[in-house]
N, C-alpha and C. Protein backbone atom coordinates (compact mmCIF):
# COMPACT_ATOMS: atom_id res chain seq x y z
N UNK A 1 0.47 -1.62 0.36
CA UNK A 1 -0.05 -0.50 0.19
C UNK A 1 0.70 1.49 -0.11
N UNK A 2 0.62 2.28 -0.90
CA UNK A 2 1.50 3.08 -0.66
C UNK A 2 0.64 4.47 0.11
N UNK A 3 1.94 5.36 0.30
CA UNK A 3 1.55 6.23 1.34
C UNK A 3 2.03 8.09 0.37
N UNK A 4 0.87 8.21 0.39
CA UNK A 4 1.29 9.92 0.27
C UNK A 4 1.27 11.09 0.96
N UNK A 5 1.97 11.56 0.69
CA UNK A 5 2.47 13.20 1.79
C UNK A 5 3.16 14.08 1.20
N UNK A 6 3.14 15.38 1.82
CA UNK A 6 4.35 16.88 1.34
C UNK A 6 4.77 16.62 2.87
N UNK A 7 5.38 17.77 2.44
CA UNK A 7 6.16 18.18 3.36
C UNK A 7 6.38 19.65 2.49
N UNK A 8 6.48 21.04 3.48
CA UNK A 8 7.10 22.45 3.40
C UNK A 8 7.59 22.65 4.26
N UNK A 9 8.79 23.74 3.88
CA UNK A 9 9.53 24.37 4.56
C UNK A 9 9.59 25.83 3.45
N UNK A 10 10.17 26.32 5.14
CA UNK A 10 10.15 28.06 4.37
C UNK A 10 11.47 28.88 5.08
N UNK A 11 12.44 29.13 4.33
CA UNK A 11 14.03 29.87 4.75
C UNK A 11 13.48 31.44 4.31
N UNK A 12 13.37 32.40 4.96
CA UNK A 12 13.90 33.35 5.13
C UNK A 12 15.21 33.70 3.55
N UNK A 13 14.51 34.85 3.15
CA UNK A 13 16.18 35.35 1.94
C UNK A 13 16.23 36.52 2.56
N UNK A 14 17.18 37.43 1.74
CA UNK A 14 18.02 39.22 1.54
C UNK A 14 17.19 38.34 0.42
N UNK A 15 17.58 38.14 -1.27
CA UNK A 15 17.93 38.10 -1.73
C UNK A 15 16.25 37.88 -2.60
N UNK A 16 15.88 38.79 -4.14
CA UNK A 16 14.15 38.54 -4.52
C UNK A 16 14.07 37.06 -5.21
N UNK A 17 12.84 37.44 -5.81
CA UNK A 17 12.26 36.04 -5.60
C UNK A 17 13.30 35.43 -7.06
N UNK A 18 13.22 36.56 -8.17
CA UNK A 18 13.92 36.08 -9.78
C UNK A 18 15.37 35.90 -9.92
N UNK A 19 15.74 36.26 -8.79
CA UNK A 19 17.51 35.17 -8.32
C UNK A 19 17.99 34.25 -8.37
N UNK A 20 15.80 34.25 -7.77
CA UNK A 20 16.17 32.20 -7.21
C UNK A 20 15.28 31.97 -8.22
N UNK A 21 14.57 32.45 -9.09
CA UNK A 21 13.91 31.50 -9.78
C UNK A 21 15.00 31.14 -11.02
N UNK A 22 15.49 32.86 -11.31
CA UNK A 22 16.16 32.44 -12.39
C UNK A 22 17.66 31.27 -11.77
N UNK A 23 17.93 31.90 -11.11
CA UNK A 23 19.58 30.29 -10.40
C UNK A 23 19.10 28.63 -10.95
N UNK A 24 17.69 28.92 -10.41
CA UNK A 24 17.43 27.38 -10.01
C UNK A 24 16.89 27.07 -11.74
N UNK A 25 15.99 28.13 -12.34
CA UNK A 25 15.52 27.85 -13.61
C UNK A 25 16.06 27.59 -15.31
N UNK A 26 17.19 29.09 -14.66
CA UNK A 26 18.22 28.72 -16.11
C UNK A 26 19.67 28.82 -16.02
N UNK A 27 19.37 29.09 -14.51
CA UNK A 27 21.15 28.87 -14.66
C UNK A 27 21.30 28.27 -13.45
N UNK A 28 20.99 27.01 -13.34
CA UNK A 28 21.65 25.91 -12.09
C UNK A 28 23.18 25.50 -12.07
N UNK A 29 23.62 25.21 -13.28
CA UNK A 29 24.65 24.75 -13.31
C UNK A 29 25.99 26.24 -12.27
N UNK A 30 25.39 27.02 -12.16
CA UNK A 30 26.17 28.39 -11.59
C UNK A 30 26.14 27.34 -10.14
N UNK A 31 25.43 26.62 -9.66
CA UNK A 31 25.39 26.43 -7.95
C UNK A 31 26.55 25.84 -8.01
N UNK A 32 26.86 25.35 -8.70
CA UNK A 32 28.00 24.31 -8.42
C UNK A 32 29.45 24.85 -8.18
N UNK A 33 29.56 25.98 -9.32
CA UNK A 33 30.69 27.35 -8.32
C UNK A 33 30.06 27.90 -6.85
N UNK A 34 29.42 28.42 -6.99
CA UNK A 34 29.11 29.10 -5.35
C UNK A 34 28.53 27.57 -4.55
N UNK A 35 28.37 26.48 -4.69
CA UNK A 35 28.23 25.87 -3.67
C UNK A 35 28.85 23.87 -3.72
N UNK A 36 29.81 24.59 -3.76
CA UNK A 36 30.77 22.96 -4.45
C UNK A 36 31.07 21.83 -3.77
N UNK A 37 30.59 21.70 -2.39
CA UNK A 37 30.56 20.65 -1.34
C UNK A 37 28.98 20.45 -1.30
N UNK A 38 28.45 21.29 -1.80
CA UNK A 38 27.23 20.80 -2.72
C UNK A 38 26.43 20.09 -3.28
N UNK A 39 26.40 20.95 -4.41
CA UNK A 39 26.47 20.76 -5.58
C UNK A 39 27.63 20.55 -6.75
N UNK A 40 27.27 19.38 -7.30
CA UNK A 40 28.38 19.31 -8.46
C UNK A 40 28.68 19.67 -9.43
N UNK A 41 27.27 19.44 -10.29
CA UNK A 41 26.97 19.59 -11.74
C UNK A 41 25.18 19.52 -11.98
N UNK A 42 24.92 20.57 -12.41
CA UNK A 42 23.83 20.20 -13.34
C UNK A 42 23.64 20.45 -14.86
N UNK A 43 23.29 18.58 -15.43
CA UNK A 43 23.48 18.49 -16.52
C UNK A 43 21.93 18.62 -17.21
N UNK A 44 21.63 19.43 -18.69
CA UNK A 44 20.61 19.34 -19.46
C UNK A 44 20.59 18.36 -20.70
N UNK A 45 19.35 17.02 -20.52
CA UNK A 45 19.54 16.39 -21.05
C UNK A 45 19.24 16.60 -22.67
N UNK A 46 18.14 17.76 -22.29
CA UNK A 46 16.25 17.34 -23.32
C UNK A 46 16.27 19.46 -23.17
N UNK A 47 15.46 19.56 -24.71
CA UNK A 47 15.18 20.70 -24.37
C UNK A 47 16.17 22.47 -24.29
N UNK A 48 15.19 23.05 -23.99
CA UNK A 48 16.43 24.55 -23.97
C UNK A 48 16.32 24.61 -21.74
N UNK A 49 17.91 25.39 -21.13
CA UNK A 49 17.75 25.05 -19.94
C UNK A 49 16.47 26.45 -19.56
N UNK A 50 15.59 25.29 -18.49
CA UNK A 50 14.60 26.51 -17.68
C UNK A 50 13.30 26.41 -19.01
N UNK A 51 13.19 25.52 -19.43
CA UNK A 51 11.89 26.04 -20.38
C UNK A 51 11.29 24.25 -19.54
N UNK A 52 10.03 24.32 -19.72
CA UNK A 52 9.07 23.11 -19.34
C UNK A 52 8.80 22.47 -20.78
N UNK A 53 9.41 21.32 -19.56
CA UNK A 53 9.72 19.83 -20.23
C UNK A 53 11.38 19.59 -20.33
N UNK A 54 11.29 20.09 -20.30
CA UNK A 54 13.31 20.30 -20.10
C UNK A 54 13.81 19.17 -18.76
N UNK A 55 15.27 18.87 -19.65
CA UNK A 55 14.98 17.12 -18.39
C UNK A 55 16.56 17.35 -18.28
N UNK A 56 16.65 17.60 -16.86
CA UNK A 56 18.60 17.24 -16.29
C UNK A 56 18.19 16.74 -15.62
N UNK A 57 19.49 16.79 -15.10
CA UNK A 57 20.14 15.38 -14.14
C UNK A 57 21.08 16.53 -13.42
N UNK A 58 20.64 16.89 -11.82
CA UNK A 58 21.99 17.09 -10.69
C UNK A 58 22.14 16.65 -10.12
N UNK A 59 23.71 16.69 -9.84
CA UNK A 59 24.59 16.17 -9.31
C UNK A 59 25.09 16.27 -8.21
N UNK A 60 24.95 15.60 -7.17
CA UNK A 60 25.02 16.87 -5.74
C UNK A 60 25.37 15.49 -4.59
N UNK A 61 26.22 16.21 -3.73
CA UNK A 61 25.73 15.37 -2.15
C UNK A 61 25.26 15.42 -1.13
N UNK A 62 24.62 14.64 -0.47
CA UNK A 62 23.84 14.45 0.87
C UNK A 62 24.20 13.70 1.00
N UNK A 63 24.11 13.57 2.47
CA UNK A 63 24.32 12.52 3.59
C UNK A 63 26.01 11.77 3.28
N UNK A 64 26.96 13.22 3.39
CA UNK A 64 28.29 12.62 3.06
C UNK A 64 27.86 11.25 1.32
N UNK A 65 27.01 11.53 0.58
CA UNK A 65 27.31 10.04 -0.64
C UNK A 65 26.80 11.17 -1.91
N UNK A 66 27.66 10.66 -2.90
CA UNK A 66 27.75 11.84 -4.28
C UNK A 66 25.79 10.84 -5.19
N UNK A 67 25.07 11.78 -5.07
CA UNK A 67 24.23 11.14 -5.82
C UNK A 67 23.67 12.30 -6.76
N UNK A 68 22.85 11.63 -7.57
CA UNK A 68 21.43 11.91 -8.68
C UNK A 68 20.72 12.24 -8.74
N UNK A 69 19.48 12.82 -9.55
CA UNK A 69 18.11 13.03 -9.68
C UNK A 69 18.07 14.06 -10.85
N UNK A 70 17.83 13.16 -11.68
CA UNK A 70 16.80 13.43 -12.77
C UNK A 70 15.42 14.44 -13.32
N UNK A 71 15.28 15.50 -13.22
CA UNK A 71 14.86 15.68 -13.05
C UNK A 71 14.11 16.65 -14.43
N UNK A 72 12.25 16.56 -14.57
CA UNK A 72 11.59 17.36 -15.93
C UNK A 72 11.29 18.26 -15.36
N UNK A 73 10.98 19.80 -16.04
CA UNK A 73 10.09 21.17 -15.11
C UNK A 73 9.20 20.56 -15.55
N UNK A 74 8.22 20.76 -14.49
CA UNK A 74 6.95 20.08 -15.34
C UNK A 74 5.96 21.38 -15.62
N UNK A 75 6.46 23.11 -14.59
CA UNK A 75 5.46 23.91 -14.77
C UNK A 75 6.55 25.02 -14.27
N UNK A 76 6.09 26.38 -14.48
CA UNK A 76 6.81 27.58 -14.48
C UNK A 76 6.06 28.28 -14.17
N UNK A 77 5.75 29.45 -13.78
CA UNK A 77 5.18 30.79 -13.08
C UNK A 77 6.46 32.20 -12.78
N UNK A 78 6.66 32.79 -13.66
CA UNK A 78 7.28 33.68 -13.99
C UNK A 78 7.18 34.67 -13.48
N UNK A 79 5.68 35.29 -12.35
CA UNK A 79 5.14 35.99 -11.57
C UNK A 79 5.08 35.60 -10.49
N UNK A 80 4.87 33.94 -10.02
CA UNK A 80 4.73 33.40 -8.41
C UNK A 80 6.58 33.27 -8.40
N UNK A 81 7.04 33.17 -9.49
CA UNK A 81 8.92 32.92 -9.15
C UNK A 81 8.17 31.30 -7.97
N UNK A 82 7.84 30.78 -9.37
CA UNK A 82 7.54 29.15 -8.88
C UNK A 82 8.39 28.27 -9.91
N UNK A 83 8.56 27.44 -9.48
CA UNK A 83 9.28 26.20 -10.82
C UNK A 83 8.84 24.96 -10.03
N UNK A 84 8.28 24.05 -10.51
CA UNK A 84 8.65 22.85 -10.47
C UNK A 84 8.60 21.82 -10.50
N UNK A 85 9.46 21.22 -10.51
CA UNK A 85 10.93 19.69 -10.71
C UNK A 85 9.78 18.52 -10.05
N UNK A 86 9.22 17.49 -11.38
CA UNK A 86 9.69 16.07 -11.27
C UNK A 86 10.74 15.69 -11.26
N UNK A 87 10.75 14.45 -10.07
CA UNK A 87 11.70 13.64 -9.96
C UNK A 87 11.04 12.41 -10.67
N UNK A 88 12.38 11.65 -12.17
CA UNK A 88 12.32 10.93 -13.45
C UNK A 88 12.77 9.74 -13.08
N UNK A 89 14.06 9.95 -12.61
CA UNK A 89 14.89 9.00 -12.24
C UNK A 89 16.39 9.64 -11.05
N UNK A 90 17.03 8.66 -10.76
CA UNK A 90 18.31 8.84 -9.25
C UNK A 90 18.11 8.51 -8.23
N UNK A 91 18.26 8.55 -7.71
CA UNK A 91 18.50 8.14 -6.14
C UNK A 91 17.51 7.96 -5.18
N UNK A 92 16.24 8.95 -5.44
CA UNK A 92 14.97 9.58 -4.65
C UNK A 92 14.23 8.44 -5.40
N UNK A 93 14.06 7.99 -6.51
CA UNK A 93 13.01 7.36 -7.46
C UNK A 93 13.44 5.89 -7.51
N UNK A 94 14.15 5.76 -7.77
CA UNK A 94 14.79 4.81 -7.77
C UNK A 94 15.42 3.70 -6.66
N UNK A 95 15.41 4.09 -5.52
CA UNK A 95 15.48 3.93 -4.82
C UNK A 95 14.75 3.46 -2.78
N UNK A 96 13.74 5.08 -2.64
CA UNK A 96 13.10 5.36 -1.53
C UNK A 96 11.94 5.16 -2.51
N UNK A 97 11.24 6.43 -3.21
CA UNK A 97 9.98 6.41 -3.41
C UNK A 97 9.56 6.24 -4.74
N UNK A 98 8.48 6.18 -4.56
CA UNK A 98 7.38 5.61 -6.08
C UNK A 98 7.46 6.54 -7.22
N UNK A 99 7.54 8.03 -6.43
CA UNK A 99 6.65 9.00 -6.95
C UNK A 99 7.66 10.38 -5.78
N UNK A 100 8.26 11.75 -7.20
CA UNK A 100 8.85 12.52 -6.24
C UNK A 100 8.75 14.41 -6.74
N UNK A 101 8.23 15.14 -6.21
CA UNK A 101 8.17 15.66 -7.04
C UNK A 101 8.38 17.41 -5.50
N UNK A 102 9.45 18.32 -6.63
CA UNK A 102 10.31 19.07 -5.87
C UNK A 102 9.60 20.85 -6.48
N UNK A 103 8.86 21.68 -5.64
CA UNK A 103 8.58 22.58 -5.55
C UNK A 103 9.17 24.54 -4.63
N UNK A 104 9.39 24.77 -5.50
CA UNK A 104 10.39 26.37 -4.88
C UNK A 104 9.66 27.91 -5.47
N UNK A 105 8.97 28.24 -4.23
CA UNK A 105 8.26 29.32 -4.86
C UNK A 105 8.86 29.92 -3.72
N UNK A 106 8.72 31.29 -4.14
CA UNK A 106 9.59 33.05 -3.93
C UNK A 106 8.67 33.79 -3.83
N UNK A 107 8.25 34.46 -2.50
CA UNK A 107 7.23 35.27 -2.51
C UNK A 107 7.47 36.12 -1.38
N UNK A 108 7.12 37.47 -1.51
CA UNK A 108 7.43 38.73 -0.42
C UNK A 108 7.10 37.99 1.37
N UNK A 109 7.63 38.08 2.31
CA UNK A 109 6.86 38.09 2.91
C UNK A 109 6.78 39.47 4.30
N UNK A 110 6.20 39.96 5.02
CA UNK A 110 6.29 41.41 5.53
C UNK A 110 6.67 42.01 4.99
N UNK A 111 8.04 42.97 5.39
CA UNK A 111 9.44 43.34 4.73
C UNK A 111 10.56 42.49 3.51
N UNK A 112 10.02 41.75 3.79
CA UNK A 112 11.44 40.41 3.70
C UNK A 112 10.67 39.80 2.21
N UNK A 113 11.98 38.25 2.23
CA UNK A 113 11.46 37.51 0.52
C UNK A 113 11.20 35.97 2.03
N UNK A 114 11.00 35.27 1.29
CA UNK A 114 10.37 33.69 1.67
C UNK A 114 10.58 32.17 0.55
N UNK A 115 11.42 32.13 0.57
CA UNK A 115 11.31 30.95 -0.31
C UNK A 115 11.12 29.70 0.16
N UNK A 116 10.14 28.98 -0.81
CA UNK A 116 9.39 28.16 0.02
C UNK A 116 9.67 25.93 -1.20
N UNK A 117 9.75 25.87 0.25
CA UNK A 117 10.21 24.61 -0.85
C UNK A 117 8.97 23.85 -0.48
N UNK A 118 8.44 22.72 -1.19
CA UNK A 118 7.74 22.06 -1.19
C UNK A 118 7.66 20.51 -1.46
N UNK A 119 7.46 19.70 -0.73
CA UNK A 119 8.14 17.93 -1.83
C UNK A 119 6.60 17.54 -1.59
N UNK A 120 6.12 16.86 -2.48
CA UNK A 120 4.86 16.52 -2.65
C UNK A 120 5.73 14.58 -3.33
N UNK A 121 5.56 13.56 -2.04
CA UNK A 121 5.19 11.99 -2.45
C UNK A 121 5.17 11.55 -2.17
N UNK A 122 5.33 10.39 -2.62
CA UNK A 122 4.76 9.01 -2.88
C UNK A 122 5.46 7.69 -2.41
N UNK A 123 5.32 7.18 -0.48
CA UNK A 123 6.92 6.19 -0.17
C UNK A 123 5.74 4.88 -0.71
N UNK A 124 6.17 3.97 -0.99
CA UNK A 124 5.84 2.60 -1.57
C UNK A 124 5.05 1.47 -0.42
N UNK A 125 5.76 2.22 1.04
CA UNK A 125 5.20 1.74 1.90
C UNK A 125 5.40 2.71 3.83
N UNK A 126 5.59 2.07 4.57
CA UNK A 126 5.33 3.08 5.65
C UNK A 126 7.16 2.75 6.70
N UNK A 127 7.68 1.91 5.80
CA UNK A 127 9.15 1.87 6.97
C UNK A 127 9.45 3.05 5.58
N UNK A 128 9.47 2.75 4.44
CA UNK A 128 10.30 4.63 4.11
C UNK A 128 10.32 5.92 4.71
N UNK A 129 11.36 6.47 5.21
CA UNK A 129 10.90 7.24 6.15
C UNK A 129 10.67 8.60 4.89
N UNK A 130 10.07 9.85 5.93
CA UNK A 130 10.03 11.06 5.64
C UNK A 130 11.19 12.00 4.67
N UNK A 131 11.02 12.57 3.75
CA UNK A 131 12.52 13.14 3.42
C UNK A 131 12.68 14.39 4.06
N UNK A 132 12.92 14.51 5.14
CA UNK A 132 13.13 15.86 6.34
C UNK A 132 14.48 15.51 5.77
N UNK A 133 15.60 14.36 5.69
CA UNK A 133 16.81 15.18 5.07
C UNK A 133 16.89 16.02 3.88
N UNK A 134 16.35 15.50 3.06
CA UNK A 134 16.29 16.80 1.90
C UNK A 134 16.41 17.91 2.14
N UNK A 135 14.82 17.27 2.55
CA UNK A 135 13.99 18.89 3.12
C UNK A 135 14.95 20.26 3.78
N UNK A 136 15.96 19.37 4.15
CA UNK A 136 17.26 20.38 5.77
C UNK A 136 18.38 20.24 4.89
N UNK A 137 18.09 20.20 3.62
CA UNK A 137 19.56 20.02 2.61
C UNK A 137 18.88 21.01 1.45
N UNK A 138 18.32 20.91 1.82
CA UNK A 138 17.10 22.06 0.10
C UNK A 138 17.58 23.30 0.84
N UNK A 139 17.44 23.38 2.19
CA UNK A 139 16.90 24.86 2.28
C UNK A 139 18.14 24.87 3.26
N UNK A 140 19.54 24.29 3.53
CA UNK A 140 20.51 24.78 4.09
C UNK A 140 21.13 25.23 2.50
N UNK A 141 20.91 24.75 1.48
CA UNK A 141 21.11 24.84 0.07
C UNK A 141 20.45 27.06 -0.37
N UNK A 142 19.40 26.72 0.00
CA UNK A 142 19.23 28.38 -0.66
C UNK A 142 19.71 29.01 0.40
N UNK A 143 19.88 28.33 2.16
CA UNK A 143 20.50 29.79 2.83
C UNK A 143 21.72 30.16 2.04
N UNK A 144 23.23 29.32 2.24
CA UNK A 144 24.21 29.49 1.23
C UNK A 144 24.22 29.99 -0.06
N UNK A 145 23.09 29.83 -1.06
CA UNK A 145 22.38 30.47 -2.16
C UNK A 145 22.83 31.81 -1.51
N UNK A 146 21.58 32.25 -0.84
CA UNK A 146 21.28 33.92 -0.32
C UNK A 146 22.63 34.73 -0.02
N UNK A 147 23.29 33.46 1.15
CA UNK A 147 24.49 34.65 1.06
C UNK A 147 26.07 34.59 0.88
N UNK A 148 25.66 33.92 -0.53
CA UNK A 148 27.07 34.06 -1.57
C UNK A 148 26.76 35.44 -2.81
N UNK A 149 28.05 35.90 -2.44
CA UNK A 149 28.00 37.54 -2.56
C UNK A 149 26.99 38.53 -2.38
N UNK A 150 26.98 38.38 -0.82
CA UNK A 150 25.92 39.07 0.23
C UNK A 150 26.73 40.21 0.49
N UNK A 151 27.68 39.86 -0.11
CA UNK A 151 28.36 41.14 1.23
C UNK A 151 28.99 42.06 0.45
């Protein structure tokens, strides 16, 4: 019996939504330069970088292990600074989850801005953990990217 889940986390940031949106959508390969301990590469396989339907593979280190995540960009909303990544290959869906989608959304909050990560996933059974460690990883990645070149 599969179990569906949703996990949401918020990170207060100083950069504007268009900066993060552009980085994750059009320039993900630049993250390897900005956070080489976390992101190693982002390969484009199909389509134009950042377009809906384009396929990319992230190479990253999580929990001390090198991993990959092959994703298709399912949706983009420029105004809302939102991008939806559906995981179609790599460690997450080949080893842990039946399906996995990660959504990044940046919006104003009070006098600042907040980056919101939303995971929607399906676990094959109750023994598979919730992806809290990956959520922590991505929240820390956003903090590192926000701090990069801020001074």
